[in-house]
Amino acid sequence: MDQWLILAPALSDMPLASLFRRTGKSSPGLLAAGRIIRVASMLHGHATGNPQAPAIVFLHAMATSSWMWKDQVTRLPDFYSLCIDLPGHGLSSAVPWRSFDDAADKVAEIIRAQLPGRRVHVVGLSLGAYVGLTLMSRHAACVDHSILSGINVLPLPNLWFMDLLSYLMAPLLKTGFGAKMNTKALNIPTDQLEGYSQSLRQVSRQAFISAGRDASRFSTPANIADIATPTLLLAGEREHILVHNSTALLANMLPNAIARWAPNAGHGWPAELPGLFAATVRQWCSDRALPAELLASHPLRQAWKAMRA
């Protein structure tokens, strides 16, 4: 197995900038800098907080990285946060994207290596939500509560066009035009543009195309009726209709799940409404009442009822 070094002075005070790094044979100098763990994956990630506190694993969206959770981590200091760069993204850009199963297995390895014998809360947005659901399906023993936002499990029309679009967009991702186009579509706040642009520059072309293709063809796990993890399914009120319908559908398919919608927000709503997202994470993971600002029913159904009233 590969050896990994957590670059941190101590596990009790691990800064956000710490990361999992592949290294060779251990040495006294390396051991003095942190703690060696052995995992088979090659994913990088940031860890911060008290390892004895309840742990949250954050899984990022497509064409970004663990960077996107930096603000959320600062708002949740009472949790131990592990923000992982998925294959082909961030500091894991050299790791090829293979499948959702492979990505979930790699995340599970990190959880078991970092927090042996413990269960973690999982928070995933978009691509990270697909990985999160797959993780629950394949490694249920690792997951305590989950929050999945912006996921679609319904068939997409014109898949050939979606594939072509990915091939055409991939070369543009790392250009100023591509970055500007994406930041506008996702409503990335101005103060986060540099971090987002850096994430775009890091993502591999192979991962963008392959992960996008897998996401467009994602279907619910065969054992979904057996996934008992308490799950909060979320979507922005202004998301695509397929995401709305998928959110409601998954809430019915998973035996211990509910659905909520973020008011007047889009796909990237953790950046649009960071305070509400952090409060939602804290409340759900602590088994407390969710923020009243969240919409408890499907926004389009609400509009339809209003029209008929």
C-alpha atoms as a PDB file:
ATOM      1  CA  MET A   1       0.000   0.000   0.000  1.00  0.00           C
ATOM      2  CA  ASP A   2       1.030   3.593  -0.535  1.00  0.00           C
ATOM      3  CA  GLN A   3       2.219   5.647   2.420  1.00  0.00           C
ATOM      4  CA  TRP A   4       0.697   9.018   3.096  1.00  0.00           C
ATOM      5  CA  LEU A   5       1.896  11.797   5.326  1.00  0.00           C
ATOM      6  CA  ILE A   6      -0.486  14.228   6.961  1.00  0.00           C
ATOM      7  CA  LEU A   7       1.474  17.466   7.021  1.00  0.00           C
ATOM      8  CA  ALA A   8       0.363  18.831  10.365  1.00  0.00           C
ATOM      9  CA  PRO A   9       2.151  19.501  13.648  1.00  0.00           C
ATOM     10  CA  ALA A  10      -0.441  17.530  15.599  1.00  0.00           C
ATOM     11  CA  LEU A  11      -3.779  15.877  14.977  1.00  0.00           C
ATOM     12  CA  SER A  12      -5.379  18.032  17.651  1.00  0.00           C
ATOM     13  CA  ASP A  13      -4.496  21.204  15.732  1.00  0.00           C
ATOM     14  CA  MET A  14      -4.609  20.378  12.035  1.00  0.00           C
ATOM     15  CA  PRO A  15      -4.750  23.526   9.849  1.00  0.00           C
ATOM     16  CA  LEU A  16      -6.922  23.773   6.775  1.00  0.00           C
ATOM     17  CA  ALA A  17      -3.802  23.847   4.631  1.00  0.00           C
ATOM     18  CA  SER A  18      -2.736  20.378   5.779  1.00  0.00           C
ATOM     19  CA  LEU A  19      -3.050  17.653   3.205  1.00  0.00           C
ATOM     20  CA  PHE A  20      -2.622  13.981   2.509  1.00  0.00           C
ATOM     21  CA  ARG A  21       0.540  13.592   0.457  1.00  0.00           C
ATOM     22  CA  ARG A  22       2.027  10.464  -1.041  1.00  0.00           C
ATOM     23  CA  THR A  23       5.533   9.887   0.216  1.00  0.00           C
ATOM     24  CA  GLY A  24       8.201   7.195   0.264  1.00  0.00           C
ATOM     25  CA  LYS A  25       9.482   5.291   3.240  1.00  0.00           C
ATOM     26  CA  SER A  26       8.937   7.011   6.529  1.00  0.00           C
ATOM     27  CA  SER A  27      11.774   8.766   8.304  1.00  0.00           C
ATOM     28  CA  PRO A  28      12.131  10.386  11.737  1.00  0.00           C
ATOM     29  CA  GLY A  29      11.884  13.798  10.108  1.00  0.00           C
ATOM     30  CA  LEU A  30       8.644  12.942   8.341  1.00  0.00           C
ATOM     31  CA  LEU A  31       7.157  11.361  11.427  1.00  0.00           C
ATOM     32  CA  ALA A  32       8.013  14.441  13.440  1.00  0.00           C
ATOM     33  CA  ALA A  33       6.018  16.588  11.023  1.00  0.00           C
ATOM     34  CA  GLY A  34       2.831  14.634  11.408  1.00  0.00           C
ATOM     35  CA  ARG A  35       1.348  11.136  11.400  1.00  0.00           C
ATOM     36  CA  ILE A  36       1.801   8.440   8.785  1.00  0.00           C
ATOM     37  CA  ILE A  37      -1.335   6.648   7.645  1.00  0.00           C
ATOM     38  CA  ARG A  38      -1.573   3.929   5.048  1.00  0.00           C
ATOM     39  CA  VAL A  39      -4.307   3.987   2.438  1.00  0.00           C
ATOM     40  CA  ALA A  40      -4.481   2.536  -1.033  1.00  0.00           C
ATOM     41  CA  SER A  41      -5.892   5.644  -2.690  1.00  0.00           C
ATOM     42  CA  MET A  42      -3.939   8.642  -3.900  1.00  0.00           C
ATOM     43  CA  LEU A  43      -6.450  11.338  -3.089  1.00  0.00           C
ATOM     44  CA  HIS A  44      -5.432  14.569  -1.394  1.00  0.00           C
ATOM     45  CA  GLY A  45      -7.487  16.483   1.101  1.00  0.00           C
ATOM     46  CA  HIS A  46      -7.573  19.137   3.801  1.00  0.00           C
ATOM     47  CA  ALA A  47      -8.321  18.388   7.438  1.00  0.00           C
ATOM     48  CA  THR A  48      -9.089  20.854  10.202  1.00  0.00           C
ATOM     49  CA  GLY A  49     -10.543  20.876  13.705  1.00  0.00           C
ATOM     50  CA  ASN A  50     -10.441  18.563  16.689  1.00  0.00           C
ATOM     51  CA  PRO A  51     -10.276  14.901  15.562  1.00  0.00           C
ATOM     52  CA  GLN A  52     -12.286  13.938  18.646  1.00  0.00           C
ATOM     53  CA  ALA A  53     -15.237  16.077  17.494  1.00  0.00           C
ATOM     54  CA  PRO A  54     -17.993  14.752  15.223  1.00  0.00           C
ATOM     55  CA  ALA A  55     -16.486  14.441  11.740  1.00  0.00           C
ATOM     56  CA  ILE A  56     -17.795  15.724   8.414  1.00  0.00           C
ATOM     57  CA  VAL A  57     -16.449  14.649   5.031  1.00  0.00           C
ATOM     58  CA  PHE A  58     -17.070  17.334   2.407  1.00  0.00           C
ATOM     59  CA  LEU A  59     -17.247  16.259  -1.255  1.00  0.00           C
ATOM     60  CA  HIS A  60     -17.017  19.031  -3.842  1.00  0.00           C
ATOM     61  CA  ALA A  61     -18.774  19.740  -7.140  1.00  0.00           C
ATOM     62  CA  MET A  62     -17.557  19.172 -10.689  1.00  0.00           C
ATOM     63  CA  ALA A  63     -14.574  21.230 -11.906  1.00  0.00           C
ATOM     64  CA  THR A  64     -13.817  22.635  -8.465  1.00  0.00           C
ATOM     65  CA  SER A  65     -11.993  21.186  -5.447  1.00  0.00           C
ATOM     66  CA  SER A  66     -12.008  20.926  -1.672  1.00  0.00           C
ATOM     67  CA  TRP A  67     -11.298  24.662  -1.782  1.00  0.00           C
ATOM     68  CA  MET A  68     -15.024  25.304  -2.230  1.00  0.00           C
ATOM     69  CA  TRP A  69     -15.726  24.215   1.363  1.00  0.00           C
ATOM     70  CA  LYS A  70     -13.285  26.617   3.017  1.00  0.00           C
ATOM     71  CA  ASP A  71     -15.992  29.060   4.105  1.00  0.00           C
ATOM     72  CA  GLN A  72     -18.233  26.270   5.393  1.00  0.00           C
ATOM     73  CA  VAL A  73     -15.404  24.802   7.464  1.00  0.00           C
ATOM     74  CA  THR A  74     -14.801  28.148   9.172  1.00  0.00           C
ATOM     75  CA  ARG A  75     -18.516  28.333  10.005  1.00  0.00           C
ATOM     76  CA  LEU A  76     -18.496  24.846  11.547  1.00  0.00           C
ATOM     77  CA  PRO A  77     -15.582  24.917  14.023  1.00  0.00           C
ATOM     78  CA  ASP A  78     -17.313  22.447  16.318  1.00  0.00           C
ATOM     79  CA  PHE A  79     -16.804  19.663  13.751  1.00  0.00           C
ATOM     80  CA  TYR A  80     -13.712  17.881  12.490  1.00  0.00           C
ATOM     81  CA  SER A  81     -13.740  18.530   8.744  1.00  0.00           C
ATOM     82  CA  LEU A  82     -12.171  16.402   6.024  1.00  0.00           C
ATOM     83  CA  CYS A  83     -12.399  18.091   2.621  1.00  0.00           C
ATOM     84  CA  ILE A  84     -11.296  15.668  -0.085  1.00  0.00           C
ATOM     85  CA  ASP A  85     -10.153  16.436  -3.629  1.00  0.00           C
ATOM     86  CA  LEU A  86     -11.928  13.881  -5.813  1.00  0.00           C
ATOM     87  CA  PRO A  87     -10.085  12.099  -8.659  1.00  0.00           C
ATOM     88  CA  GLY A  88      -8.951  14.491 -11.375  1.00  0.00           C
ATOM     89  CA  HIS A  89      -9.629  17.577  -9.250  1.00  0.00           C
ATOM     90  CA  GLY A  90      -7.545  19.914  -7.102  1.00  0.00           C
ATOM     91  CA  LEU A  91      -4.411  18.288  -5.712  1.00  0.00           C
ATOM     92  CA  SER A  92      -5.784  14.932  -6.891  1.00  0.00           C
ATOM     93  CA  SER A  93      -5.689  16.068 -10.535  1.00  0.00           C
ATOM     94  CA  ALA A  94      -3.142  13.367 -11.444  1.00  0.00           C
ATOM     95  CA  VAL A  95      -5.506  10.641 -10.212  1.00  0.00           C
ATOM     96  CA  PRO A  96      -7.654   9.471 -13.159  1.00  0.00           C
ATOM     97  CA  TRP A  97     -11.402   9.494 -12.837  1.00  0.00           C
ATOM     98  CA  ARG A  98     -12.614   5.899 -13.230  1.00  0.00           C
ATOM     99  CA  SER A  99     -16.150   5.681 -11.865  1.00  0.00           C
ATOM    100  CA  PHE A 100     -18.374   6.699  -8.984  1.00  0.00           C
ATOM    101  CA  ASP A 101     -17.741   3.316  -7.393  1.00  0.00           C
ATOM    102  CA  ASP A 102     -13.987   3.886  -7.526  1.00  0.00           C
ATOM    103  CA  ALA A 103     -14.256   7.427  -6.144  1.00  0.00           C
ATOM    104  CA  ALA A 104     -16.506   6.267  -3.290  1.00  0.00           C
ATOM    105  CA  ASP A 105     -14.118   3.426  -2.459  1.00  0.00           C
ATOM    106  CA  LYS A 106     -11.196   5.864  -2.282  1.00  0.00           C
ATOM    107  CA  VAL A 107     -13.146   8.180   0.022  1.00  0.00           C
ATOM    108  CA  ALA A 108     -14.034   5.215   2.258  1.00  0.00           C
ATOM    109  CA  GLU A 109     -10.351   4.292   2.509  1.00  0.00           C
ATOM    110  CA  ILE A 110      -9.497   7.777   3.734  1.00  0.00           C
ATOM    111  CA  ILE A 111     -12.327   7.704   6.287  1.00  0.00           C
ATOM    112  CA  ARG A 112     -11.164   4.357   7.664  1.00  0.00           C
ATOM    113  CA  ALA A 113      -7.544   5.458   7.762  1.00  0.00           C
ATOM    114  CA  GLN A 114      -8.237   8.818   9.391  1.00  0.00           C
ATOM    115  CA  LEU A 115     -11.003   7.787  11.757  1.00  0.00           C
ATOM    116  CA  PRO A 116     -10.840   4.015  12.229  1.00  0.00           C
ATOM    117  CA  GLY A 117     -13.990   2.509  13.646  1.00  0.00           C
ATOM    118  CA  ARG A 118     -15.924   5.777  13.467  1.00  0.00           C
ATOM    119  CA  ARG A 119     -18.816   6.973  11.354  1.00  0.00           C
ATOM    120  CA  VAL A 120     -18.741  10.351   9.657  1.00  0.00           C
ATOM    121  CA  HIS A 121     -21.298  12.780   8.320  1.00  0.00           C
ATOM    122  CA  VAL A 122     -21.070  13.232   4.542  1.00  0.00           C
ATOM    123  CA  VAL A 123     -21.880  16.474   2.729  1.00  0.00           C
ATOM    124  CA  GLY A 124     -21.814  16.451  -1.073  1.00  0.00           C
ATOM    125  CA  LEU A 125     -22.725  18.967  -3.753  1.00  0.00           C
ATOM    126  CA  SER A 126     -23.401  17.978  -7.369  1.00  0.00           C
ATOM    127  CA  LEU A 127     -20.572  15.566  -8.310  1.00  0.00           C
ATOM    128  CA  GLY A 128     -19.896  15.134  -4.594  1.00  0.00           C
ATOM    129  CA  ALA A 129     -23.544  14.221  -4.014  1.00  0.00           C
ATOM    130  CA  TYR A 130     -23.300  11.357  -6.524  1.00  0.00           C
ATOM    131  CA  VAL A 131     -20.139  10.139  -4.805  1.00  0.00           C
ATOM    132  CA  GLY A 132     -21.875  10.521  -1.440  1.00  0.00           C
ATOM    133  CA  LEU A 133     -24.875   8.422  -2.466  1.00  0.00           C
ATOM    134  CA  THR A 134     -22.550   5.777  -3.909  1.00  0.00           C
ATOM    135  CA  LEU A 135     -20.554   5.824  -0.667  1.00  0.00           C
ATOM    136  CA  MET A 136     -23.733   5.184   1.316  1.00  0.00           C
ATOM    137  CA  SER A 137     -24.585   2.295  -0.997  1.00  0.00           C
ATOM    138  CA  ARG A 138     -21.158   0.624  -0.859  1.00  0.00           C
ATOM    139  CA  HIS A 139     -19.851   1.627   2.586  1.00  0.00           C
ATOM    140  CA  ALA A 140     -22.887   2.287   4.771  1.00  0.00           C
ATOM    141  CA  ALA A 141     -20.935   1.491   7.926  1.00  0.00           C
ATOM    142  CA  CYS A 142     -18.799   4.600   7.353  1.00  0.00           C
ATOM    143  CA  VAL A 143     -21.671   7.080   7.196  1.00  0.00           C
ATOM    144  CA  ASP A 144     -23.672   8.542  10.077  1.00  0.00           C
ATOM    145  CA  HIS A 145     -25.788  11.265   8.413  1.00  0.00           C
ATOM    146  CA  SER A 146     -25.641  12.556   4.860  1.00  0.00           C
ATOM    147  CA  ILE A 147     -26.543  15.770   3.053  1.00  0.00           C
ATOM    148  CA  LEU A 148     -26.769  15.559  -0.740  1.00  0.00           C
ATOM    149  CA  SER A 149     -27.489  18.646  -2.831  1.00  0.00           C
ATOM    150  CA  GLY A 150     -28.005  19.129  -6.560  1.00  0.00           C
ATOM    151  CA  ILE A 151     -28.322  15.517  -7.689  1.00  0.00           C
ATOM    152  CA  ASN A 152     -30.186  14.168 -10.724  1.00  0.00           C
ATOM    153  CA  VAL A 153     -31.127  10.498 -11.106  1.00  0.00           C
ATOM    154  CA  LEU A 154     -33.606  10.906 -13.972  1.00  0.00           C
ATOM    155  CA  PRO A 155     -32.767  10.244 -17.655  1.00  0.00           C
ATOM    156  CA  LEU A 156     -31.318  13.210 -19.505  1.00  0.00           C
ATOM    157  CA  PRO A 157     -32.474  13.878 -23.060  1.00  0.00           C
ATOM    158  CA  ASN A 158     -29.968  14.032 -25.923  1.00  0.00           C
ATOM    159  CA  LEU A 159     -27.064  12.386 -24.136  1.00  0.00           C
ATOM    160  CA  TRP A 160     -24.993  12.502 -27.313  1.00  0.00           C
ATOM    161  CA  PHE A 161     -25.239  16.292 -27.240  1.00  0.00           C
ATOM    162  CA  MET A 162     -24.227  16.386 -23.574  1.00  0.00           C
ATOM    163  CA  ASP A 163     -21.147  14.303 -24.393  1.00  0.00           C
ATOM    164  CA  LEU A 164     -20.257  16.564 -27.305  1.00  0.00           C
ATOM    165  CA  LEU A 165     -20.701  19.642 -25.113  1.00  0.00           C
ATOM    166  CA  SER A 166     -18.289  18.225 -22.535  1.00  0.00           C
ATOM    167  CA  TYR A 167     -15.627  17.668 -25.199  1.00  0.00           C
ATOM    168  CA  LEU A 168     -16.117  21.199 -26.507  1.00  0.00           C
ATOM    169  CA  MET A 169     -16.118  22.813 -23.069  1.00  0.00           C
ATOM    170  CA  ALA A 170     -13.101  20.952 -21.670  1.00  0.00           C
ATOM    171  CA  PRO A 171     -10.459  23.043 -23.510  1.00  0.00           C
ATOM    172  CA  LEU A 172     -12.212  26.260 -22.464  1.00  0.00           C
ATOM    173  CA  LEU A 173     -12.289  25.475 -18.743  1.00  0.00           C
ATOM    174  CA  LYS A 174      -8.847  26.861 -18.027  1.00  0.00           C
ATOM    175  CA  THR A 175      -9.281  30.027 -20.094  1.00  0.00           C
ATOM    176  CA  GLY A 176     -10.514  33.345 -18.774  1.00  0.00           C
ATOM    177  CA  PHE A 177     -13.621  33.040 -20.930  1.00  0.00           C
ATOM    178  CA  GLY A 178     -14.446  29.595 -19.542  1.00  0.00           C
ATOM    179  CA  ALA A 179     -13.925  30.705 -15.965  1.00  0.00           C
ATOM    180  CA  LYS A 180     -16.103  33.778 -16.470  1.00  0.00           C
ATOM    181  CA  MET A 181     -18.857  31.707 -18.085  1.00  0.00           C
ATOM    182  CA  ASN A 182     -18.921  29.188 -15.236  1.00  0.00           C
ATOM    183  CA  THR A 183     -18.742  31.727 -12.418  1.00  0.00           C
ATOM    184  CA  LYS A 184     -21.713  33.572 -13.888  1.00  0.00           C
ATOM    185  CA  ALA A 185     -23.738  30.373 -14.308  1.00  0.00           C
ATOM    186  CA  LEU A 186     -23.015  29.261 -10.737  1.00  0.00           C
ATOM    187  CA  ASN A 187     -23.290  32.721  -9.139  1.00  0.00           C
ATOM    188  CA  ILE A 188     -19.835  32.447  -7.594  1.00  0.00           C
ATOM    189  CA  PRO A 189     -19.327  35.395  -5.189  1.00  0.00           C
ATOM    190  CA  THR A 190     -16.759  37.966  -6.303  1.00  0.00           C
ATOM    191  CA  ASP A 191     -14.457  37.278  -3.360  1.00  0.00           C
ATOM    192  CA  GLN A 192     -14.240  33.606  -4.377  1.00  0.00           C
ATOM    193  CA  LEU A 193     -13.428  34.062  -8.070  1.00  0.00           C
ATOM    194  CA  GLU A 194      -9.688  33.505  -7.696  1.00  0.00           C
ATOM    195  CA  GLY A 195     -10.114  30.273  -5.757  1.00  0.00           C
ATOM    196  CA  TYR A 196     -12.649  28.999  -8.253  1.00  0.00           C
ATOM    197  CA  SER A 197     -10.446  29.921 -11.209  1.00  0.00           C
ATOM    198  CA  GLN A 198      -7.555  28.027  -9.632  1.00  0.00           C
ATOM    199  CA  SER A 199      -9.762  24.954  -9.219  1.00  0.00           C
ATOM    200  CA  LEU A 200     -10.695  25.143 -12.894  1.00  0.00           C
ATOM    201  CA  ARG A 201      -7.027  25.273 -13.847  1.00  0.00           C
ATOM    202  CA  GLN A 202      -6.331  22.174 -11.748  1.00  0.00           C
ATOM    203  CA  VAL A 203      -9.085  19.876 -13.030  1.00  0.00           C
ATOM    204  CA  SER A 204      -7.920  17.357 -15.620  1.00  0.00           C
ATOM    205  CA  ARG A 205      -9.579  17.196 -19.019  1.00  0.00           C
ATOM    206  CA  GLN A 206     -10.033  13.440 -18.615  1.00  0.00           C
ATOM    207  CA  ALA A 207     -11.871  13.855 -15.304  1.00  0.00           C
ATOM    208  CA  PHE A 208     -14.116  16.624 -16.605  1.00  0.00           C
ATOM    209  CA  ILE A 209     -15.226  14.540 -19.587  1.00  0.00           C
ATOM    210  CA  SER A 210     -15.415  11.151 -17.848  1.00  0.00           C
ATOM    211  CA  ALA A 211     -17.053  12.332 -14.624  1.00  0.00           C
ATOM    212  CA  GLY A 212     -19.527  14.423 -16.599  1.00  0.00           C
ATOM    213  CA  ARG A 213     -20.400  11.423 -18.725  1.00  0.00           C
ATOM    214  CA  ASP A 214     -20.896   9.251 -15.627  1.00  0.00           C
ATOM    215  CA  ALA A 215     -23.045  11.897 -13.938  1.00  0.00           C
ATOM    216  CA  SER A 216     -25.296  12.259 -16.985  1.00  0.00           C
ATOM    217  CA  ARG A 217     -25.923   8.498 -16.901  1.00  0.00           C
ATOM    218  CA  PHE A 218     -26.174   8.067 -13.138  1.00  0.00           C
ATOM    219  CA  SER A 219     -28.916   5.794 -11.861  1.00  0.00           C
ATOM    220  CA  THR A 220     -29.991   4.989  -8.338  1.00  0.00           C
ATOM    221  CA  PRO A 221     -28.069   2.191  -6.580  1.00  0.00           C
ATOM    222  CA  ALA A 222     -29.693  -1.234  -6.788  1.00  0.00           C
ATOM    223  CA  ASN A 223     -29.779  -1.434  -2.977  1.00  0.00           C
ATOM    224  CA  ILE A 224     -31.245   2.040  -2.431  1.00  0.00           C
ATOM    225  CA  ALA A 225     -34.193   0.665  -0.429  1.00  0.00           C
ATOM    226  CA  ASP A 226     -31.718  -0.777   2.055  1.00  0.00           C
ATOM    227  CA  ILE A 227     -29.753   2.436   2.649  1.00  0.00           C
ATOM    228  CA  ALA A 228     -30.897   3.446   6.138  1.00  0.00           C
ATOM    229  CA  THR A 229     -28.573   6.456   6.532  1.00  0.00           C
ATOM    230  CA  PRO A 230     -30.496   9.557   7.675  1.00  0.00           C
ATOM    231  CA  THR A 231     -30.305  11.644   4.501  1.00  0.00           C
ATOM    232  CA  LEU A 232     -31.210  15.251   3.769  1.00  0.00           C
ATOM    233  CA  LEU A 233     -31.756  15.884   0.060  1.00  0.00           C
ATOM    234  CA  LEU A 234     -31.373  19.499  -0.970  1.00  0.00           C
ATOM    235  CA  ALA A 235     -31.731  21.646  -4.065  1.00  0.00           C
ATOM    236  CA  GLY A 236     -31.770  25.322  -4.857  1.00  0.00           C
ATOM    237  CA  GLU A 237     -35.200  26.697  -5.695  1.00  0.00           C
ATOM    238  CA  ARG A 238     -33.883  27.838  -9.106  1.00  0.00           C
ATOM    239  CA  GLU A 239     -32.334  24.506 -10.102  1.00  0.00           C
ATOM    240  CA  HIS A 240     -33.269  22.508 -13.187  1.00  0.00           C
ATOM    241  CA  ILE A 241     -36.617  20.705 -13.097  1.00  0.00           C
ATOM    242  CA  LEU A 242     -34.850  17.319 -13.259  1.00  0.00           C
ATOM    243  CA  VAL A 243     -32.965  18.138 -10.049  1.00  0.00           C
ATOM    244  CA  HIS A 244     -36.204  19.187  -8.366  1.00  0.00           C
ATOM    245  CA  ASN A 245     -37.934  15.969  -9.399  1.00  0.00           C
ATOM    246  CA  SER A 246     -34.919  13.840  -8.464  1.00  0.00           C
ATOM    247  CA  THR A 247     -34.750  15.430  -5.015  1.00  0.00           C
ATOM    248  CA  ALA A 248     -38.387  14.563  -4.356  1.00  0.00           C
ATOM    249  CA  LEU A 249     -37.993  11.093  -5.889  1.00  0.00           C
ATOM    250  CA  LEU A 250     -34.951  10.169  -3.798  1.00  0.00           C
ATOM    251  CA  ALA A 251     -36.710  11.338  -0.651  1.00  0.00           C
ATOM    252  CA  ASN A 252     -39.348   8.706  -1.379  1.00  0.00           C
ATOM    253  CA  MET A 253     -36.901   5.968  -2.388  1.00  0.00           C
ATOM    254  CA  LEU A 254     -34.512   6.251   0.550  1.00  0.00           C
ATOM    255  CA  PRO A 255     -36.161   4.850   3.694  1.00  0.00           C
ATOM    256  CA  ASN A 256     -34.837   7.533   6.045  1.00  0.00           C
ATOM    257  CA  ALA A 257     -34.697  10.700   3.950  1.00  0.00           C
ATOM    258  CA  ILE A 258     -36.414  14.066   3.622  1.00  0.00           C
ATOM    259  CA  ALA A 259     -36.178  16.803   0.992  1.00  0.00           C
ATOM    260  CA  ARG A 260     -35.792  20.558   1.383  1.00  0.00           C
ATOM    261  CA  TRP A 261     -35.200  23.482  -0.988  1.00  0.00           C
ATOM    262  CA  ALA A 262     -33.069  26.601  -0.556  1.00  0.00           C
ATOM    263  CA  PRO A 263     -35.175  29.684  -1.309  1.00  0.00           C
ATOM    264  CA  ASN A 264     -34.346  31.762  -4.392  1.00  0.00           C
ATOM    265  CA  ALA A 265     -31.030  29.954  -4.913  1.00  0.00           C
ATOM    266  CA  GLY A 266     -29.369  28.019  -7.696  1.00  0.00           C
ATOM    267  CA  HIS A 267     -27.172  24.956  -8.034  1.00  0.00           C
ATOM    268  CA  GLY A 268     -24.234  26.527  -6.182  1.00  0.00           C
ATOM    269  CA  TRP A 269     -26.282  27.679  -3.225  1.00  0.00           C
ATOM    270  CA  PRO A 270     -23.661  26.869  -0.538  1.00  0.00           C
ATOM    271  CA  ALA A 271     -21.771  29.876  -1.933  1.00  0.00           C
ATOM    272  CA  GLU A 272     -24.904  31.972  -2.450  1.00  0.00           C
ATOM    273  CA  LEU A 273     -26.329  31.328   1.025  1.00  0.00           C
ATOM    274  CA  PRO A 274     -23.343  30.172   3.088  1.00  0.00           C
ATOM    275  CA  GLY A 275     -24.909  30.959   6.443  1.00  0.00           C
ATOM    276  CA  LEU A 276     -28.061  28.998   5.697  1.00  0.00           C
ATOM    277  CA  PHE A 277     -26.079  26.064   4.311  1.00  0.00           C
ATOM    278  CA  ALA A 278     -23.811  25.892   7.364  1.00  0.00           C
ATOM    279  CA  ALA A 279     -26.792  26.112   9.710  1.00  0.00           C
ATOM    280  CA  THR A 280     -28.489  23.318   7.764  1.00  0.00           C
ATOM    281  CA  VAL A 281     -25.403  21.103   8.051  1.00  0.00           C
ATOM    282  CA  ARG A 282     -25.053  21.744  11.778  1.00  0.00           C
ATOM    283  CA  GLN A 283     -28.720  21.107  12.538  1.00  0.00           C
ATOM    284  CA  TRP A 284     -29.047  17.954  10.448  1.00  0.00           C
ATOM    285  CA  CYS A 285     -25.840  16.409  11.725  1.00  0.00           C
ATOM    286  CA  SER A 286     -26.876  17.204  15.302  1.00  0.00           C
ATOM    287  CA  ASP A 287     -30.415  15.780  14.959  1.00  0.00           C
ATOM    288  CA  ARG A 288     -31.967  19.185  15.541  1.00  0.00           C
ATOM    289  CA  ALA A 289     -34.746  21.056  13.749  1.00  0.00           C
ATOM    290  CA  LEU A 290     -33.746  22.376  10.332  1.00  0.00           C
ATOM    291  CA  PRO A 291     -33.668  26.142   9.636  1.00  0.00           C
ATOM    292  CA  ALA A 292     -37.146  27.533   9.038  1.00  0.00           C
ATOM    293  CA  GLU A 293     -35.924  29.334   5.901  1.00  0.00           C
ATOM    294  CA  LEU A 294     -35.726  26.058   3.969  1.00  0.00           C
ATOM    295  CA  LEU A 295     -38.746  25.232   1.826  1.00  0.00           C
ATOM    296  CA  ALA A 296     -40.407  22.012   2.946  1.00  0.00           C
ATOM    297  CA  SER A 297     -42.164  21.205  -0.339  1.00  0.00           C
ATOM    298  CA  HIS A 298     -41.392  21.166  -4.038  1.00  0.00           C
ATOM    299  CA  PRO A 299     -41.220  24.815  -5.284  1.00  0.00           C
ATOM    300  CA  LEU A 300     -43.017  24.050  -8.554  1.00  0.00           C
ATOM    301  CA  ARG A 301     -45.811  22.290  -6.711  1.00  0.00           C
ATOM    302  CA  GLN A 302     -46.114  25.298  -4.431  1.00  0.00           C
ATOM    303  CA  ALA A 303     -46.456  27.553  -7.480  1.00  0.00           C
ATOM    304  CA  TRP A 304     -49.032  25.224  -9.020  1.00  0.00           C
ATOM    305  CA  LYS A 305     -51.100  25.227  -5.833  1.00  0.00           C
ATOM    306  CA  ALA A 306     -50.899  29.028  -5.697  1.00  0.00           C
ATOM    307  CA  MET A 307     -52.135  29.291  -9.288  1.00  0.00           C
ATOM    308  CA  ARG A 308     -55.086  27.028  -8.559  1.00  0.00           C
ATOM    309  CA  ALA A 309     -56.018  28.778  -5.319  1.00  0.00           C
END
